[in-house]
Amino acid sequence: MRTPERILRDIAAIPAMARGTLCAMRKAASGKTYYNHQTWSGGRNVVRYVPPGKVRPLRQAIAGYRKFLKLADEYAESVAKRTEI
């Protein structure tokens, strides 16, 4: 198991984070795929259109957030193990 300090460094190295899901909505006659970004905010599902140029960075940010969640769980386990008596 990695040390809590190492896990915190890995968390700090995540360049971008975004909650939610990126959904392909439909393909246009031109062949373009349109995307929506869905998140929960204030107890409501919030959906926004994502322009084609923002799809890749948003996809990477969502992956960053998922990585953060895994690392946060690993951090909690590591600290709990360290403090067991």
C-alpha atoms as a PDB file:
ATOM      1  CA  MET A   1       0.000   0.000   0.000  1.00  0.00           C
ATOM      2  CA  ARG A   2       1.263   3.469  -0.860  1.00  0.00           C
ATOM      3  CA  THR A   3       1.865   6.097   1.800  1.00  0.00           C
ATOM      4  CA  PRO A   4      -0.732   8.827   2.388  1.00  0.00           C
ATOM      5  CA  GLU A   5       1.850  11.433   1.398  1.00  0.00           C
ATOM      6  CA  ARG A   6       2.403   9.745  -1.976  1.00  0.00           C
ATOM      7  CA  ILE A   7      -1.332   9.545  -2.576  1.00  0.00           C
ATOM      8  CA  LEU A   8      -1.710  13.269  -1.813  1.00  0.00           C
ATOM      9  CA  ARG A   9       1.047  14.042  -4.338  1.00  0.00           C
ATOM     10  CA  ASP A  10      -0.809  11.983  -6.936  1.00  0.00           C
ATOM     11  CA  ILE A  11      -4.028  13.872  -6.174  1.00  0.00           C
ATOM     12  CA  ALA A  12      -2.226  17.213  -6.510  1.00  0.00           C
ATOM     13  CA  ALA A  13      -0.908  16.123  -9.928  1.00  0.00           C
ATOM     14  CA  ILE A  14      -4.390  15.758 -11.428  1.00  0.00           C
ATOM     15  CA  PRO A  15      -4.555  18.666 -13.916  1.00  0.00           C
ATOM     16  CA  ALA A  16      -8.339  19.011 -14.266  1.00  0.00           C
ATOM     17  CA  MET A  17     -11.515  17.592 -12.771  1.00  0.00           C
ATOM     18  CA  ALA A  18     -15.173  17.699 -13.715  1.00  0.00           C
ATOM     19  CA  ARG A  19     -18.092  15.828 -12.220  1.00  0.00           C
ATOM     20  CA  GLY A  20     -20.711  14.206 -14.357  1.00  0.00           C
ATOM     21  CA  THR A  21     -21.112  12.219 -17.521  1.00  0.00           C
ATOM     22  CA  LEU A  22     -20.488  13.038 -21.151  1.00  0.00           C
ATOM     23  CA  CYS A  23     -23.253  11.665 -23.365  1.00  0.00           C
ATOM     24  CA  ALA A  24     -23.302  11.386 -27.144  1.00  0.00           C
ATOM     25  CA  MET A  25     -26.737  12.638 -28.102  1.00  0.00           C
ATOM     26  CA  ARG A  26     -27.023  12.252 -31.838  1.00  0.00           C
ATOM     27  CA  LYS A  27     -25.200  12.410 -35.113  1.00  0.00           C
ATOM     28  CA  ALA A  28     -26.012  15.189 -37.504  1.00  0.00           C
ATOM     29  CA  ALA A  29     -26.395  14.684 -41.224  1.00  0.00           C
ATOM     30  CA  SER A  30     -22.897  16.166 -41.523  1.00  0.00           C
ATOM     31  CA  GLY A  31     -21.534  13.234 -39.498  1.00  0.00           C
ATOM     32  CA  LYS A  32     -20.808  15.318 -36.400  1.00  0.00           C
ATOM     33  CA  THR A  33     -21.738  13.863 -33.027  1.00  0.00           C
ATOM     34  CA  TYR A  34     -23.288  16.226 -30.497  1.00  0.00           C
ATOM     35  CA  TYR A  35     -22.569  15.844 -26.790  1.00  0.00           C
ATOM     36  CA  ASN A  36     -24.221  16.831 -23.527  1.00  0.00           C
ATOM     37  CA  HIS A  37     -22.554  17.052 -20.130  1.00  0.00           C
ATOM     38  CA  GLN A  38     -24.838  15.890 -17.318  1.00  0.00           C
ATOM     39  CA  THR A  39     -24.226  16.699 -13.655  1.00  0.00           C
ATOM     40  CA  TRP A  40     -26.204  16.967 -10.436  1.00  0.00           C
ATOM     41  CA  SER A  41     -26.358  20.386  -8.816  1.00  0.00           C
ATOM     42  CA  GLY A  42     -28.682  21.517  -6.053  1.00  0.00           C
ATOM     43  CA  GLY A  43     -30.583  18.234  -6.218  1.00  0.00           C
ATOM     44  CA  ARG A  44     -31.305  18.638  -9.923  1.00  0.00           C
ATOM     45  CA  ASN A  45     -29.939  17.107 -13.077  1.00  0.00           C
ATOM     46  CA  VAL A  46     -28.193  19.848 -15.038  1.00  0.00           C
ATOM     47  CA  VAL A  47     -27.509  19.258 -18.732  1.00  0.00           C
ATOM     48  CA  ARG A  48     -25.431  21.496 -20.952  1.00  0.00           C
ATOM     49  CA  TYR A  49     -24.384  21.274 -24.579  1.00  0.00           C
ATOM     50  CA  VAL A  50     -20.670  20.705 -25.164  1.00  0.00           C
ATOM     51  CA  PRO A  51     -19.128  22.242 -28.301  1.00  0.00           C
ATOM     52  CA  PRO A  52     -16.992  19.817 -30.352  1.00  0.00           C
ATOM     53  CA  GLY A  53     -13.745  21.540 -29.371  1.00  0.00           C
ATOM     54  CA  LYS A  54     -14.439  21.041 -25.659  1.00  0.00           C
ATOM     55  CA  VAL A  55     -15.289  17.319 -25.760  1.00  0.00           C
ATOM     56  CA  ARG A  56     -11.732  15.986 -25.366  1.00  0.00           C
ATOM     57  CA  PRO A  57     -10.750  18.309 -22.467  1.00  0.00           C
ATOM     58  CA  LEU A  58     -14.036  17.572 -20.697  1.00  0.00           C
ATOM     59  CA  ARG A  59     -13.561  13.829 -21.168  1.00  0.00           C
ATOM     60  CA  GLN A  60     -10.080  14.162 -19.622  1.00  0.00           C
ATOM     61  CA  ALA A  61     -11.433  16.258 -16.737  1.00  0.00           C
ATOM     62  CA  ILE A  62     -14.115  13.649 -15.990  1.00  0.00           C
ATOM     63  CA  ALA A  63     -11.404  10.963 -15.976  1.00  0.00           C
ATOM     64  CA  GLY A  64      -9.405  13.181 -13.596  1.00  0.00           C
ATOM     65  CA  TYR A  65     -12.341  13.393 -11.212  1.00  0.00           C
ATOM     66  CA  ARG A  66     -12.827   9.616 -11.269  1.00  0.00           C
ATOM     67  CA  LYS A  67      -9.115   9.181 -10.544  1.00  0.00           C
ATOM     68  CA  PHE A  68      -9.452  11.642  -7.654  1.00  0.00           C
ATOM     69  CA  LEU A  69     -12.309   9.604  -6.161  1.00  0.00           C
ATOM     70  CA  LYS A  70     -10.234   6.407  -6.306  1.00  0.00           C
ATOM     71  CA  LEU A  71      -7.220   8.123  -4.775  1.00  0.00           C
ATOM     72  CA  ALA A  72      -9.319   9.717  -2.025  1.00  0.00           C
ATOM     73  CA  ASP A  73     -10.663   6.284  -1.094  1.00  0.00           C
ATOM     74  CA  GLU A  74      -7.137   4.843  -1.141  1.00  0.00           C
ATOM     75  CA  TYR A  75      -5.957   7.746   1.038  1.00  0.00           C
ATOM     76  CA  ALA A  76      -8.696   7.125   3.605  1.00  0.00           C
ATOM     77  CA  GLU A  77      -7.837   3.408   3.730  1.00  0.00           C
ATOM     78  CA  SER A  78      -4.138   4.164   4.108  1.00  0.00           C
ATOM     79  CA  VAL A  79      -4.670   6.627   6.961  1.00  0.00           C
ATOM     80  CA  ALA A  80      -7.131   4.275   8.677  1.00  0.00           C
ATOM     81  CA  LYS A  81      -4.624   1.430   8.467  1.00  0.00           C
ATOM     82  CA  ARG A  82      -1.900   3.690   9.866  1.00  0.00           C
ATOM     83  CA  THR A  83      -4.087   4.656  12.850  1.00  0.00           C
ATOM     84  CA  GLU A  84      -5.316   1.160  13.761  1.00  0.00           C
ATOM     85  CA  ILE A  85      -4.548   0.198  17.333  1.00  0.00           C
END
